[in-house]
Amino acid sequence: MIAAINRDLIRWDRIIDAEVNGNINLVRTIDVSDTGVVGLLRRDLIRPEVGVEILRFMVNDLLKQIRDIYGITINIEGNNA
C-alpha cells in the first residue's frame, strides 16, 4: 500500500522474502509477525497498482460501514460504497 502512496517511501534494500501465515481484517491485526508481514512478501510482488486496489477496497468498505451503521452517505469520486 505504501508503494501506491509514494514509491520513494519504500526501503527497497531492506525487503526480505517472507511468508507468514496469519489472519488480518480491516479492524485489527490478529496475528503479527516480527516483520509486520502477514502473507507473502517478495520484492517482485510490490506493485503500486495492487496497493491502489487494496486502499480502494478499504476506503469503500469503511464508507459502507459508516452508511450502514450511521446512515451517513459520503460521496467521493470513484466511490462504490
N, C-alpha and C. Protein backbone atom coordinates (compact mmCIF):
# COMPACT_ATOMS: atom_id res chain seq x y z
N MET A 1 0.82 -1.19 0.00
CA MET A 1 0.00 0.00 0.00
C MET A 1 0.87 1.25 0.00
N ILE A 2 2.01 1.18 0.69
CA ILE A 2 2.90 2.34 0.73
C ILE A 2 3.41 2.67 -0.67
N ALA A 3 3.70 1.65 -1.47
CA ALA A 3 4.16 1.88 -2.84
C ALA A 3 3.11 2.63 -3.66
N ALA A 4 1.84 2.42 -3.36
CA ALA A 4 0.77 3.11 -4.07
C ALA A 4 0.73 4.59 -3.69
N ILE A 5 1.11 4.87 -2.46
CA ILE A 5 1.09 6.25 -1.97
C ILE A 5 2.32 7.01 -2.46
N ASN A 6 3.49 6.37 -2.29
CA ASN A 6 4.74 7.02 -2.71
C ASN A 6 5.84 5.96 -2.74
N ARG A 7 6.27 5.58 -3.94
CA ARG A 7 7.30 4.54 -4.10
C ARG A 7 8.60 4.91 -3.40
N ASP A 8 8.87 6.20 -3.24
CA ASP A 8 10.11 6.63 -2.60
C ASP A 8 10.14 6.33 -1.11
N LEU A 9 8.99 6.01 -0.53
CA LEU A 9 8.95 5.67 0.90
C LEU A 9 9.37 4.21 1.15
N ILE A 10 9.45 3.42 0.11
CA ILE A 10 9.82 2.02 0.24
C ILE A 10 11.33 1.92 0.41
N ARG A 11 11.76 1.17 1.39
CA ARG A 11 13.19 0.92 1.59
C ARG A 11 13.51 -0.40 0.89
N TRP A 12 13.65 -0.31 -0.43
CA TRP A 12 13.79 -1.48 -1.29
C TRP A 12 14.94 -2.38 -0.87
N ASP A 13 16.02 -1.80 -0.38
CA ASP A 13 17.20 -2.58 0.01
C ASP A 13 16.97 -3.42 1.26
N ARG A 14 15.90 -3.15 1.99
CA ARG A 14 15.63 -3.87 3.24
C ARG A 14 14.52 -4.90 3.11
N ILE A 15 13.96 -5.04 1.93
CA ILE A 15 12.87 -6.01 1.73
C ILE A 15 13.45 -7.41 1.71
N ILE A 16 12.86 -8.28 2.52
CA ILE A 16 13.27 -9.68 2.54
C ILE A 16 12.09 -10.53 2.10
N ASP A 17 12.38 -11.69 1.55
CA ASP A 17 11.30 -12.62 1.23
C ASP A 17 10.75 -13.16 2.54
N ALA A 18 9.44 -13.12 2.68
CA ALA A 18 8.81 -13.59 3.91
C ALA A 18 7.47 -14.20 3.58
N GLU A 19 7.14 -15.25 4.29
CA GLU A 19 5.82 -15.83 4.19
C GLU A 19 5.37 -16.17 5.60
N VAL A 20 4.31 -15.52 6.04
CA VAL A 20 3.81 -15.68 7.40
C VAL A 20 2.33 -15.98 7.33
N ASN A 21 1.92 -17.08 7.89
CA ASN A 21 0.50 -17.40 7.98
C ASN A 21 -0.09 -16.55 9.08
N GLY A 22 -1.27 -16.05 8.85
CA GLY A 22 -1.90 -15.22 9.86
C GLY A 22 -3.29 -14.83 9.42
N ASN A 23 -3.92 -14.02 10.23
CA ASN A 23 -5.29 -13.62 10.00
C ASN A 23 -5.41 -12.14 10.28
N ILE A 24 -5.78 -11.36 9.26
CA ILE A 24 -5.98 -9.93 9.46
C ILE A 24 -7.33 -9.53 8.91
N ASN A 25 -7.81 -8.41 9.36
CA ASN A 25 -9.00 -7.81 8.77
C ASN A 25 -8.85 -6.29 8.86
N LEU A 26 -9.84 -5.57 8.43
CA LEU A 26 -9.74 -4.11 8.41
C LEU A 26 -9.74 -3.48 9.79
N VAL A 27 -10.29 -4.19 10.75
CA VAL A 27 -10.42 -3.61 12.08
C VAL A 27 -9.15 -3.78 12.90
N ARG A 28 -8.55 -4.98 12.82
CA ARG A 28 -7.35 -5.21 13.62
C ARG A 28 -6.54 -6.35 13.04
N THR A 29 -5.29 -6.37 13.40
CA THR A 29 -4.43 -7.47 13.01
C THR A 29 -4.49 -8.49 14.13
N ILE A 30 -4.86 -9.69 13.81
CA ILE A 30 -4.98 -10.73 14.82
C ILE A 30 -3.62 -11.38 15.08
N ASP A 31 -2.89 -11.66 14.03
CA ASP A 31 -1.56 -12.26 14.15
C ASP A 31 -0.54 -11.26 13.61
N VAL A 32 0.47 -10.98 14.38
CA VAL A 32 1.51 -10.05 13.95
C VAL A 32 2.84 -10.78 13.98
N SER A 33 3.58 -10.69 12.88
CA SER A 33 4.90 -11.31 12.82
C SER A 33 5.96 -10.30 13.25
N ASP A 34 7.18 -10.77 13.43
CA ASP A 34 8.28 -9.87 13.79
C ASP A 34 8.54 -8.82 12.72
N THR A 35 8.26 -9.16 11.46
CA THR A 35 8.49 -8.24 10.36
C THR A 35 7.31 -7.33 10.08
N GLY A 36 6.17 -7.63 10.67
CA GLY A 36 4.95 -6.88 10.38
C GLY A 36 4.24 -7.42 9.15
N VAL A 37 4.77 -8.48 8.56
CA VAL A 37 4.20 -9.06 7.36
C VAL A 37 3.23 -10.17 7.74
N VAL A 38 2.08 -10.15 7.12
CA VAL A 38 1.16 -11.28 7.18
C VAL A 38 0.88 -11.64 5.75
N GLY A 39 1.18 -12.85 5.38
CA GLY A 39 1.03 -13.29 4.00
C GLY A 39 2.38 -13.46 3.34
N LEU A 40 2.44 -13.22 2.06
CA LEU A 40 3.66 -13.43 1.27
C LEU A 40 4.24 -12.08 0.85
N LEU A 41 5.51 -11.89 1.07
CA LEU A 41 6.18 -10.66 0.65
C LEU A 41 7.43 -11.03 -0.13
N ARG A 42 7.50 -10.50 -1.32
CA ARG A 42 8.70 -10.58 -2.14
C ARG A 42 8.81 -9.26 -2.89
N ARG A 43 10.02 -8.83 -3.14
CA ARG A 43 10.24 -7.55 -3.83
C ARG A 43 9.47 -7.49 -5.14
N ASP A 44 9.45 -8.61 -5.89
CA ASP A 44 8.79 -8.60 -7.19
C ASP A 44 7.27 -8.54 -7.08
N LEU A 45 6.72 -8.72 -5.89
CA LEU A 45 5.27 -8.64 -5.70
C LEU A 45 4.81 -7.24 -5.31
N ILE A 46 5.75 -6.35 -5.02
CA ILE A 46 5.39 -5.00 -4.59
C ILE A 46 5.12 -4.16 -5.84
N ARG A 47 3.83 -3.89 -6.05
CA ARG A 47 3.42 -3.10 -7.21
C ARG A 47 2.39 -2.07 -6.76
N PRO A 48 2.60 -0.82 -7.13
CA PRO A 48 1.66 0.23 -6.71
C PRO A 48 0.21 -0.07 -7.07
N GLU A 49 -0.03 -0.67 -8.23
CA GLU A 49 -1.42 -0.92 -8.64
C GLU A 49 -2.13 -1.89 -7.70
N VAL A 50 -1.41 -2.80 -7.08
CA VAL A 50 -2.01 -3.71 -6.10
C VAL A 50 -2.39 -2.92 -4.85
N GLY A 51 -1.48 -2.04 -4.41
CA GLY A 51 -1.76 -1.20 -3.26
C GLY A 51 -2.95 -0.29 -3.48
N VAL A 52 -3.09 0.23 -4.70
CA VAL A 52 -4.24 1.08 -5.03
C VAL A 52 -5.53 0.30 -4.86
N GLU A 53 -5.56 -0.93 -5.32
CA GLU A 53 -6.78 -1.75 -5.20
C GLU A 53 -7.09 -2.06 -3.74
N ILE A 54 -6.07 -2.35 -2.95
CA ILE A 54 -6.28 -2.63 -1.53
C ILE A 54 -6.81 -1.38 -0.82
N LEU A 55 -6.20 -0.23 -1.08
CA LEU A 55 -6.66 1.02 -0.47
C LEU A 55 -8.09 1.35 -0.90
N ARG A 56 -8.40 1.16 -2.18
CA ARG A 56 -9.75 1.41 -2.68
C ARG A 56 -10.77 0.53 -1.95
N PHE A 57 -10.43 -0.76 -1.80
CA PHE A 57 -11.32 -1.68 -1.10
C PHE A 57 -11.54 -1.23 0.34
N MET A 58 -10.45 -0.86 1.02
CA MET A 58 -10.55 -0.46 2.42
C MET A 58 -11.41 0.79 2.59
N VAL A 59 -11.19 1.79 1.75
CA VAL A 59 -11.96 3.03 1.84
C VAL A 59 -13.44 2.76 1.55
N ASN A 60 -13.72 2.00 0.50
CA ASN A 60 -15.11 1.70 0.17
C ASN A 60 -15.78 0.90 1.27
N ASP A 61 -15.04 -0.04 1.89
CA ASP A 61 -15.61 -0.82 2.97
C ASP A 61 -15.91 0.06 4.18
N LEU A 62 -15.00 0.96 4.51
CA LEU A 62 -15.25 1.87 5.64
C LEU A 62 -16.43 2.80 5.36
N LEU A 63 -16.52 3.32 4.13
CA LEU A 63 -17.66 4.17 3.78
C LEU A 63 -18.97 3.40 3.86
N LYS A 64 -18.96 2.15 3.45
CA LYS A 64 -20.16 1.31 3.54
C LYS A 64 -20.55 1.10 5.00
N GLN A 65 -19.57 0.86 5.86
CA GLN A 65 -19.86 0.68 7.28
C GLN A 65 -20.45 1.95 7.89
N ILE A 66 -19.91 3.10 7.52
CA ILE A 66 -20.45 4.38 8.02
C ILE A 66 -21.89 4.53 7.56
N ARG A 67 -22.16 4.21 6.29
CA ARG A 67 -23.53 4.32 5.76
C ARG A 67 -24.45 3.35 6.48
N ASP A 68 -24.02 2.09 6.63
CA ASP A 68 -24.87 1.07 7.23
C ASP A 68 -25.12 1.31 8.72
N ILE A 69 -24.12 1.75 9.44
CA ILE A 69 -24.25 1.92 10.89
C ILE A 69 -24.88 3.25 11.25
N TYR A 70 -24.45 4.33 10.57
CA TYR A 70 -24.88 5.67 10.97
C TYR A 70 -25.85 6.33 10.01
N GLY A 71 -26.08 5.70 8.87
CA GLY A 71 -26.99 6.27 7.88
C GLY A 71 -26.43 7.48 7.18
N ILE A 72 -25.13 7.65 7.22
CA ILE A 72 -24.47 8.80 6.58
C ILE A 72 -23.85 8.34 5.27
N THR A 73 -24.15 9.06 4.19
CA THR A 73 -23.55 8.75 2.90
C THR A 73 -22.52 9.81 2.57
N ILE A 74 -21.32 9.36 2.30
CA ILE A 74 -20.23 10.25 1.94
C ILE A 74 -19.89 9.97 0.48
N ASN A 75 -20.09 10.95 -0.37
CA ASN A 75 -19.79 10.77 -1.79
C ASN A 75 -18.40 11.27 -2.09
N ILE A 76 -17.60 10.37 -2.67
CA ILE A 76 -16.27 10.75 -3.14
C ILE A 76 -16.13 10.21 -4.55
N GLU A 77 -15.25 10.82 -5.33
CA GLU A 77 -15.03 10.38 -6.69
C GLU A 77 -14.55 8.94 -6.72
N GLY A 78 -15.17 8.10 -7.54
CA GLY A 78 -14.77 6.70 -7.65
C GLY A 78 -15.29 5.83 -6.53
N ASN A 79 -16.16 6.36 -5.67
CA ASN A 79 -16.69 5.60 -4.53
C ASN A 79 -17.73 4.60 -5.01
N ASN A 80 -17.56 3.37 -4.56
CA ASN A 80 -18.54 2.33 -4.86
C ASN A 80 -19.39 1.97 -3.66
N ALA A 81 -19.19 2.65 -2.54
CA ALA A 81 -19.92 2.30 -1.31
C ALA A 81 -21.35 2.76 -1.36
